PDB file of N, CA and C in Angstrom:
ATOM      1  N   MET A   1     -14.486 -11.802   3.723  1.00  0.00           N
ATOM      2  CA  MET A   1     -13.752 -11.405   2.562  1.00  0.00           C
ATOM      3  C   MET A   1     -12.652 -10.409   2.940  1.00  0.00           C
ATOM      4  N   LYS A   2     -11.478 -10.620   2.416  1.00  0.00           N
ATOM      5  CA  LYS A   2     -10.351  -9.734   2.731  1.00  0.00           C
ATOM      6  C   LYS A   2     -10.504  -8.446   1.960  1.00  0.00           C
ATOM      7  N   LYS A   3     -10.123  -7.329   2.625  1.00  0.00           N
ATOM      8  CA  LYS A   3     -10.239  -6.038   1.960  1.00  0.00           C
ATOM      9  C   LYS A   3      -9.005  -5.744   1.111  1.00  0.00           C
ATOM     10  N   TYR A   4      -9.188  -4.945   0.092  1.00  0.00           N
ATOM     11  CA  TYR A   4      -8.123  -4.523  -0.779  1.00  0.00           C
ATOM     12  C   TYR A   4      -7.395  -3.354  -0.166  1.00  0.00           C
ATOM     13  N   VAL A   5      -6.077  -3.458  -0.035  1.00  0.00           N
ATOM     14  CA  VAL A   5      -5.268  -2.383   0.555  1.00  0.00           C
ATOM     15  C   VAL A   5      -4.335  -1.867  -0.557  1.00  0.00           C
ATOM     16  N   PRO A   6      -4.520  -0.626  -0.996  1.00  0.00           N
ATOM     17  CA  PRO A   6      -3.649  -0.105  -2.040  1.00  0.00           C
ATOM     18  C   PRO A   6      -2.213   0.061  -1.523  1.00  0.00           C
ATOM     19  N   ILE A   7      -1.249  -0.234  -2.397  1.00  0.00           N
ATOM     20  CA  ILE A   7       0.149  -0.131  -2.018  1.00  0.00           C
ATOM     21  C   ILE A   7       0.610   1.303  -2.301  1.00  0.00           C
ATOM     22  N   GLU A   8       1.241   1.888  -1.294  1.00  0.00           N
ATOM     23  CA  GLU A   8       1.728   3.264  -1.376  1.00  0.00           C
ATOM     24  C   GLU A   8       3.210   3.325  -1.077  1.00  0.00           C
ATOM     25  N   ASP A   9       3.804   4.493  -1.211  1.00  0.00           N
ATOM     26  CA  ASP A   9       5.217   4.681  -0.906  1.00  0.00           C
ATOM     27  C   ASP A   9       5.471   4.294   0.544  1.00  0.00           C
ATOM     28  N   GLY A  10       6.527   3.548   0.796  1.00  0.00           N
ATOM     29  CA  GLY A  10       6.885   3.139   2.134  1.00  0.00           C
ATOM     30  C   GLY A  10       6.258   1.820   2.572  1.00  0.00           C
ATOM     31  N   ASP A  11       5.428   1.217   1.717  1.00  0.00           N
ATOM     32  CA  ASP A  11       4.781  -0.062   2.065  1.00  0.00           C
ATOM     33  C   ASP A  11       5.685  -1.236   1.792  1.00  0.00           C
ATOM     34  N   TYR A  12       6.666  -1.082   0.941  1.00  0.00           N
ATOM     35  CA  TYR A  12       7.570  -2.192   0.653  1.00  0.00           C
ATOM     36  C   TYR A  12       8.906  -1.626   0.139  1.00  0.00           C
ATOM     37  N   TYR A  13       9.878  -2.511   0.116  1.00  0.00           N
ATOM     38  CA  TYR A  13      11.148  -2.161  -0.524  1.00  0.00           C
ATOM     39  C   TYR A  13      11.625  -3.408  -1.274  1.00  0.00           C
ATOM     40  N   LEU A  14      12.536  -3.210  -2.202  1.00  0.00           N
ATOM     41  CA  LEU A  14      13.064  -4.341  -2.982  1.00  0.00           C
ATOM     42  C   LEU A  14      14.312  -4.872  -2.299  1.00  0.00           C
ATOM     43  N   THR A  15      14.355  -6.193  -2.123  1.00  0.00           N
ATOM     44  CA  THR A  15      15.547  -6.811  -1.550  1.00  0.00           C
ATOM     45  C   THR A  15      16.635  -6.890  -2.608  1.00  0.00           C
ATOM     46  N   PRO A  16      17.871  -7.164  -2.221  1.00  0.00           N
ATOM     47  CA  PRO A  16      18.933  -7.312  -3.236  1.00  0.00           C
ATOM     48  C   PRO A  16      18.653  -8.387  -4.270  1.00  0.00           C
ATOM     49  N   GLU A  17      17.828  -9.363  -3.885  1.00  0.00           N
ATOM     50  CA  GLU A  17      17.450 -10.446  -4.819  1.00  0.00           C
ATOM     51  C   GLU A  17      16.348 -10.034  -5.763  1.00  0.00           C
ATOM     52  N   GLY A  18      15.709  -8.858  -5.514  1.00  0.00           N
ATOM     53  CA  GLY A  18      14.650  -8.360  -6.384  1.00  0.00           C
ATOM     54  C   GLY A  18      13.236  -8.661  -5.896  1.00  0.00           C
ATOM     55  N   TYR A  19      13.085  -9.176  -4.681  1.00  0.00           N
ATOM     56  CA  TYR A  19      11.764  -9.477  -4.129  1.00  0.00           C
ATOM     57  C   TYR A  19      11.201  -8.254  -3.402  1.00  0.00           C
ATOM     58  N   ARG A  20       9.869  -8.148  -3.339  1.00  0.00           N
ATOM     59  CA  ARG A  20       9.232  -7.114  -2.536  1.00  0.00           C
ATOM     60  C   ARG A  20       9.180  -7.575  -1.095  1.00  0.00           C
ATOM     61  N   CYS A  21       9.579  -6.729  -0.188  1.00  0.00           N
ATOM     62  CA  CYS A  21       9.510  -7.026   1.238  1.00  0.00           C
ATOM     63  C   CYS A  21       8.605  -5.975   1.859  1.00  0.00           C
ATOM     64  N   PHE A  22       7.448  -6.412   2.345  1.00  0.00           N
ATOM     65  CA  PHE A  22       6.474  -5.466   2.931  1.00  0.00           C
ATOM     66  C   PHE A  22       6.947  -4.985   4.280  1.00  0.00           C
ATOM     67  N   THR A  23       6.739  -3.706   4.553  1.00  0.00           N
ATOM     68  CA  THR A  23       7.177  -3.082   5.787  1.00  0.00           C
ATOM     69  C   THR A  23       6.084  -3.217   6.874  1.00  0.00           C
ATOM     70  N   GLU A  24       6.440  -2.860   8.072  1.00  0.00           N
ATOM     71  CA  GLU A  24       5.482  -2.860   9.181  1.00  0.00           C
ATOM     72  C   GLU A  24       4.301  -1.949   8.855  1.00  0.00           C
ATOM     73  N   GLN A  25       4.566  -0.825   8.186  1.00  0.00           N
ATOM     74  CA  GLN A  25       3.533   0.121   7.799  1.00  0.00           C
ATOM     75  C   GLN A  25       2.424  -0.572   7.003  1.00  0.00           C
ATOM     76  N   TYR A  26       2.819  -1.390   6.024  1.00  0.00           N
ATOM     77  CA  TYR A  26       1.847  -2.102   5.202  1.00  0.00           C
ATOM     78  C   TYR A  26       1.058  -3.123   6.006  1.00  0.00           C
ATOM     79  N   HIS A  27       1.759  -3.897   6.824  1.00  0.00           N
ATOM     80  CA  HIS A  27       1.086  -4.916   7.613  1.00  0.00           C
ATOM     81  C   HIS A  27       0.042  -4.299   8.564  1.00  0.00           C
ATOM     82  N   LEU A  28       0.366  -3.152   9.153  1.00  0.00           N
ATOM     83  CA  LEU A  28      -0.602  -2.487  10.046  1.00  0.00           C
ATOM     84  C   LEU A  28      -1.806  -1.977   9.261  1.00  0.00           C
ATOM     85  N   LYS A  29      -1.595  -1.452   8.049  1.00  0.00           N
ATOM     86  CA  LYS A  29      -2.718  -1.006   7.218  1.00  0.00           C
ATOM     87  C   LYS A  29      -3.610  -2.183   6.827  1.00  0.00           C
ATOM     88  N   ARG A  30      -2.971  -3.330   6.554  1.00  0.00           N
ATOM     89  CA  ARG A  30      -3.748  -4.514   6.166  1.00  0.00           C
ATOM     90  C   ARG A  30      -4.627  -4.970   7.314  1.00  0.00           C
ATOM     91  N   GLY A  31      -4.116  -4.926   8.544  1.00  0.00           N
ATOM     92  CA  GLY A  31      -4.956  -5.164   9.710  1.00  0.00           C
ATOM     93  C   GLY A  31      -5.011  -6.573  10.258  1.00  0.00           C
ATOM     94  N   TYR A  32      -4.241  -7.508   9.716  1.00  0.00           N
ATOM     95  CA  TYR A  32      -4.248  -8.864  10.279  1.00  0.00           C
ATOM     96  C   TYR A  32      -2.935  -9.546   9.928  1.00  0.00           C
ATOM     97  N   CYS A  33      -2.640 -10.629  10.653  1.00  0.00           N
ATOM     98  CA  CYS A  33      -1.424 -11.392  10.431  1.00  0.00           C
ATOM     99  C   CYS A  33      -1.732 -12.526   9.444  1.00  0.00           C
ATOM    100  N   CYS A  34      -0.903 -12.722   8.442  1.00  0.00           N
ATOM    101  CA  CYS A  34      -1.119 -13.795   7.471  1.00  0.00           C
ATOM    102  C   CYS A  34      -0.434 -15.075   7.877  1.00  0.00           C
ATOM    103  N   GLU A  35       0.329 -15.037   8.991  1.00  0.00           N
ATOM    104  CA  GLU A  35       1.028 -16.184   9.554  1.00  0.00           C
ATOM    105  C   GLU A  35       1.984 -16.824   8.568  1.00  0.00           C
ATOM    106  N   SER A  36       2.687 -15.982   7.767  1.00  0.00           N
ATOM    107  CA  SER A  36       3.668 -16.478   6.823  1.00  0.00           C
ATOM    108  C   SER A  36       5.099 -16.235   7.313  1.00  0.00           C
ATOM    109  N   GLY A  37       5.243 -15.647   8.483  1.00  0.00           N
ATOM    110  CA  GLY A  37       6.579 -15.356   9.003  1.00  0.00           C
ATOM    111  C   GLY A  37       7.236 -14.181   8.358  1.00  0.00           C
ATOM    112  N   CYS A  38       6.474 -13.145   8.070  1.00  0.00           N
ATOM    113  CA  CYS A  38       6.994 -11.959   7.392  1.00  0.00           C
ATOM    114  C   CYS A  38       8.116 -11.303   8.214  1.00  0.00           C
ATOM    115  N   ARG A  39       9.084 -10.762   7.528  1.00  0.00           N
ATOM    116  CA  ARG A  39      10.262 -10.166   8.155  1.00  0.00           C
ATOM    117  C   ARG A  39       9.917  -8.991   9.074  1.00  0.00           C
ATOM    118  N   HIS A  40       8.894  -8.208   8.724  1.00  0.00           N
ATOM    119  CA  HIS A  40       8.557  -7.025   9.508  1.00  0.00           C
ATOM    120  C   HIS A  40       7.167  -7.122  10.152  1.00  0.00           C
ATOM    121  N   CYS A  41       6.814  -8.353  10.577  1.00  0.00           N
ATOM    122  CA  CYS A  41       5.476  -8.580  11.169  1.00  0.00           C
ATOM    123  C   CYS A  41       5.318  -7.838  12.493  1.00  0.00           C
ATOM    124  N   PRO A  42       4.333  -6.908  12.572  1.00  0.00           N
ATOM    125  CA  PRO A  42       4.116  -6.185  13.819  1.00  0.00           C
ATOM    126  C   PRO A  42       3.238  -6.963  14.796  1.00  0.00           C
ATOM    127  N   TYR A  43       2.741  -8.126  14.380  1.00  0.00           N
ATOM    128  CA  TYR A  43       1.837  -8.911  15.215  1.00  0.00           C
ATOM    129  C   TYR A  43       2.570  -9.968  16.065  1.00  0.00           C
ATOM    130  N   GLY A  44       3.878 -10.082  15.890  1.00  0.00           N
ATOM    131  CA  GLY A  44       4.663 -10.975  16.723  1.00  0.00           C
ATOM    132  C   GLY A  44       4.582 -12.439  16.371  1.00  0.00           C
ATOM    133  N   PHE A  45       4.160 -12.770  15.148  1.00  0.00           N
ATOM    134  CA  PHE A  45       4.064 -14.197  14.763  1.00  0.00           C
ATOM    135  C   PHE A  45       5.460 -14.787  14.607  1.00  0.00           C
ATOM    136  N   ASN A  46       5.671 -15.976  15.180  1.00  0.00           N
ATOM    137  CA  ASN A  46       6.947 -16.652  15.064  1.00  0.00           C
ATOM    138  C   ASN A  46       6.707 -17.910  14.222  1.00  0.00           C
ATOM    139  N   LYS A  47       7.301 -17.976  13.035  1.00  0.00           N
ATOM    140  CA  LYS A  47       7.076 -19.082  12.134  1.00  0.00           C
ATOM    141  C   LYS A  47       7.619 -20.395  12.692  1.00  0.00           C
ATOM    142  N   LYS A  48       8.660 -20.338  13.494  1.00  0.00           N
ATOM    143  CA  LYS A  48       9.253 -21.561  14.058  1.00  0.00           C
ATOM    144  C   LYS A  48       8.333 -22.205  15.095  1.00  0.00           C
ATOM    145  N   THR A  49       7.690 -21.403  15.935  1.00  0.00           N
ATOM    146  CA  THR A  49       6.806 -21.957  16.966  1.00  0.00           C
ATOM    147  C   THR A  49       5.321 -21.931  16.528  1.00  0.00           C
ATOM    148  N   LEU A  50       5.033 -21.264  15.462  1.00  0.00           N
ATOM    149  CA  LEU A  50       3.672 -21.110  14.928  1.00  0.00           C
ATOM    150  C   LEU A  50       2.741 -20.436  15.933  1.00  0.00           C
ATOM    151  N   LYS A  51       3.302 -19.491  16.716  1.00  0.00           N
ATOM    152  CA  LYS A  51       2.517 -18.761  17.702  1.00  0.00           C
ATOM    153  C   LYS A  51       2.739 -17.278  17.583  1.00  0.00           C
ATOM    154  N   LYS A  52       1.754 -16.518  18.012  1.00  0.00           N
ATOM    155  CA  LYS A  52       1.861 -15.055  18.047  1.00  0.00           C
ATOM    156  C   LYS A  52       2.364 -14.627  19.401  1.00  0.00           C
TER     157      LYS A  52
END
């Protein structure tokens, strides 16, 4: 079961289009890679090659 990680200041910012973009800080707190090709992924996942 995935753990609940509360969102705090610095965990995301709003893009010019109005979307939430999670920062590296949030991904590290979450503790795993979701393999969605996140912009600030600290785990090194590459969506094009599907490898970390």
